[in-house]
């Protein structure tokens, strides 16, 4: 009986191993929240961001976080996708999980600290998005987030 209890305790304490989807482009709407035209417009904004600042930004809208903490999921997804240039580590992931109502902006180590994108600036990007996301206006939220990111990178 003790072995059964110990096995059950281990099973319950072991965090689940997420399965990450394949990246389909700069805008990965895996939850079906955006129209084709909205994805195209956001893609154009992300291309302009790359051309202006030399960063690779990818959007992911996931159906759920698979019982993983949002920061761990975002980090795992960014690593799985290999966003950005390996040498410069210049990738940015904007992750939205509508089911859990979680949003994160994860920047590669080449873009953190005082170099290019601080944690406070990443929070400002999220804050720019939230009023729109709360109103189910995903395109407007992502567009506002990209503008806030552009502003943060202009230093």
Protein backbone atom coordinates (compact mmCIF):
# COMPACT_ATOMS: atom_id res chain seq x y z
CA UNK A 1 0.00 0.00 0.00
CA UNK A 2 2.84 2.41 0.84
CA UNK A 3 4.35 1.80 -2.59
CA UNK A 4 1.03 2.73 -4.24
CA UNK A 5 0.81 5.95 -2.20
CA UNK A 6 4.44 6.82 -2.98
CA UNK A 7 3.89 6.19 -6.69
CA UNK A 8 0.74 8.32 -6.72
CA UNK A 9 2.52 11.13 -4.85
CA UNK A 10 5.38 11.04 -7.37
CA UNK A 11 2.95 11.10 -10.29
CA UNK A 12 1.10 14.10 -8.85
CA UNK A 13 4.30 16.00 -8.02
CA UNK A 14 5.96 15.51 -11.42
CA UNK A 15 5.23 18.48 -13.68
CA UNK A 16 3.72 17.54 -17.03
CA UNK A 17 5.97 17.54 -20.07
CA UNK A 18 4.47 19.89 -22.65
CA UNK A 19 4.28 19.15 -26.33
CA UNK A 20 5.13 22.22 -28.35
CA UNK A 21 3.52 22.90 -31.72
CA UNK A 22 5.49 23.55 -34.88
CA UNK A 23 6.12 27.17 -35.82
CA UNK A 24 4.19 28.14 -38.93
CA UNK A 25 5.59 31.65 -39.43
CA UNK A 26 5.83 34.94 -37.56
CA UNK A 27 2.17 34.79 -36.51
CA UNK A 28 1.17 31.42 -35.07
CA UNK A 29 -2.54 31.48 -34.28
CA UNK A 30 -3.03 27.99 -32.93
CA UNK A 31 -6.24 28.99 -31.15
CA UNK A 32 -8.02 30.42 -34.21
CA UNK A 33 -8.43 33.95 -32.83
CA UNK A 34 -7.32 35.98 -35.87
CA UNK A 35 -8.54 36.26 -39.44
CA UNK A 36 -6.24 35.61 -42.39
CA UNK A 37 -6.09 39.37 -43.13
CA UNK A 38 -5.24 40.15 -39.49
CA UNK A 39 -2.42 37.59 -39.54
CA UNK A 40 -1.10 39.09 -42.78
CA UNK A 41 -1.15 42.64 -41.36
CA UNK A 42 0.60 41.55 -38.16
CA UNK A 43 3.18 39.69 -40.22
CA UNK A 44 3.93 42.91 -42.11
CA UNK A 45 4.39 44.77 -38.82
CA UNK A 46 6.77 42.08 -37.58
CA UNK A 47 8.79 42.24 -40.80
CA UNK A 48 9.11 46.02 -40.38
CA UNK A 49 10.19 45.52 -36.75
CA UNK A 50 12.91 43.14 -37.92
CA UNK A 51 14.09 45.48 -40.65
CA UNK A 52 14.18 48.48 -38.30
CA UNK A 53 15.69 46.91 -35.18
CA UNK A 54 17.25 43.63 -36.28
CA UNK A 55 15.09 41.53 -33.95
CA UNK A 56 13.04 38.49 -34.83
CA UNK A 57 9.65 38.68 -33.14
CA UNK A 58 7.15 35.83 -33.27
CA UNK A 59 3.56 35.76 -32.00
CA UNK A 60 2.06 32.58 -30.56
CA UNK A 61 -1.58 32.22 -29.57
CA UNK A 62 -1.88 28.80 -27.97
CA UNK A 63 -5.11 27.03 -27.06
CA UNK A 64 -3.81 26.22 -23.56
CA UNK A 65 -0.62 25.99 -21.50
CA UNK A 66 -0.93 22.25 -20.78
CA UNK A 67 -0.87 22.83 -17.00
CA UNK A 68 2.56 24.47 -17.27
CA UNK A 69 3.40 27.82 -15.66
CA UNK A 70 3.23 30.53 -18.34
CA UNK A 71 6.89 31.58 -17.97
CA UNK A 72 8.12 28.00 -18.27
CA UNK A 73 5.87 27.35 -21.27
CA UNK A 74 6.99 30.55 -23.02
CA UNK A 75 10.66 29.76 -22.40
CA UNK A 76 10.24 26.19 -23.61
CA UNK A 77 8.34 27.26 -26.72
CA UNK A 78 10.90 29.98 -27.57
CA UNK A 79 13.72 27.45 -27.18
CA UNK A 80 11.84 24.80 -29.18
CA UNK A 81 11.24 27.22 -32.03
CA UNK A 82 14.75 28.71 -31.89
CA UNK A 83 13.50 32.24 -32.48
CA UNK A 84 16.13 34.69 -33.67
CA UNK A 85 19.76 34.50 -34.61
CA UNK A 86 21.76 31.96 -32.56
CA UNK A 87 24.83 34.18 -32.42
CA UNK A 88 23.00 37.32 -31.24
CA UNK A 89 20.10 35.58 -29.43
CA UNK A 90 17.84 38.36 -30.70
CA UNK A 91 14.47 36.62 -30.65
CA UNK A 92 11.28 37.83 -28.99
CA UNK A 93 8.22 35.70 -28.33
CA UNK A 94 4.84 37.27 -27.65
CA UNK A 95 2.76 34.48 -26.13
CA UNK A 96 -0.97 34.62 -25.45
CA UNK A 97 -2.94 31.80 -23.86
CA UNK A 98 -6.58 32.98 -23.97
CA UNK A 99 -7.98 30.05 -22.00
CA UNK A 100 -5.78 30.84 -18.98
CA UNK A 101 -5.77 34.59 -19.70
CA UNK A 102 -1.98 34.72 -19.67
CA UNK A 103 0.33 36.92 -21.75
CA UNK A 104 4.12 36.94 -21.78
CA UNK A 105 6.85 38.67 -23.74
CA UNK A 106 10.06 36.65 -23.67
CA UNK A 107 13.24 38.15 -25.06
CA UNK A 108 16.43 36.31 -25.94
CA UNK A 109 19.44 36.98 -23.75
CA UNK A 110 20.84 39.26 -26.44
CA UNK A 111 17.86 41.57 -25.83
CA UNK A 112 17.57 41.58 -22.04
CA UNK A 113 18.88 43.80 -19.28
CA UNK A 114 20.15 47.20 -20.28
CA UNK A 115 21.14 46.06 -23.78
CA UNK A 116 17.88 46.39 -25.66
CA UNK A 117 14.70 45.18 -23.93
CA UNK A 118 14.34 45.38 -20.15
CA UNK A 119 11.82 43.44 -18.09
CA UNK A 120 9.97 46.71 -17.44
CA UNK A 121 9.73 47.40 -21.17
CA UNK A 122 8.44 43.87 -21.77
CA UNK A 123 5.74 44.56 -19.14
CA UNK A 124 4.85 47.78 -20.98
CA UNK A 125 4.33 45.76 -24.16
CA UNK A 126 1.96 43.44 -22.28
CA UNK A 127 0.18 46.42 -20.71
CA UNK A 128 -0.35 47.95 -24.17
CA UNK A 129 -1.99 44.72 -25.33
CA UNK A 130 -4.21 43.91 -22.35
CA UNK A 131 -7.08 46.42 -22.82
CA UNK A 132 -7.70 45.01 -26.29
CA UNK A 133 -7.27 41.38 -25.35
CA UNK A 134 -9.77 41.76 -22.51
CA UNK A 135 -12.30 42.98 -25.09
CA UNK A 136 -11.56 40.03 -27.42
CA UNK A 137 -9.87 42.36 -29.94
CA UNK A 138 -6.78 40.25 -30.56
CA UNK A 139 -5.56 41.98 -33.69
CA UNK A 140 -5.70 45.41 -32.03
CA UNK A 141 -3.92 44.01 -28.97
CA UNK A 142 -1.07 42.50 -30.97
CA UNK A 143 -0.76 45.61 -33.11
CA UNK A 144 -0.53 47.78 -29.96
CA UNK A 145 2.04 45.38 -28.52
CA UNK A 146 4.19 45.56 -31.65
CA UNK A 147 4.02 49.38 -31.58
CA UNK A 148 5.03 49.38 -27.89
CA UNK A 149 7.89 47.00 -28.70
CA UNK A 150 9.01 49.26 -31.55
CA UNK A 151 8.97 52.22 -29.18
CA UNK A 152 10.97 50.31 -26.53
CA UNK A 153 13.61 49.29 -29.08
CA UNK A 154 14.15 52.86 -30.30
CA UNK A 155 16.59 53.79 -27.55
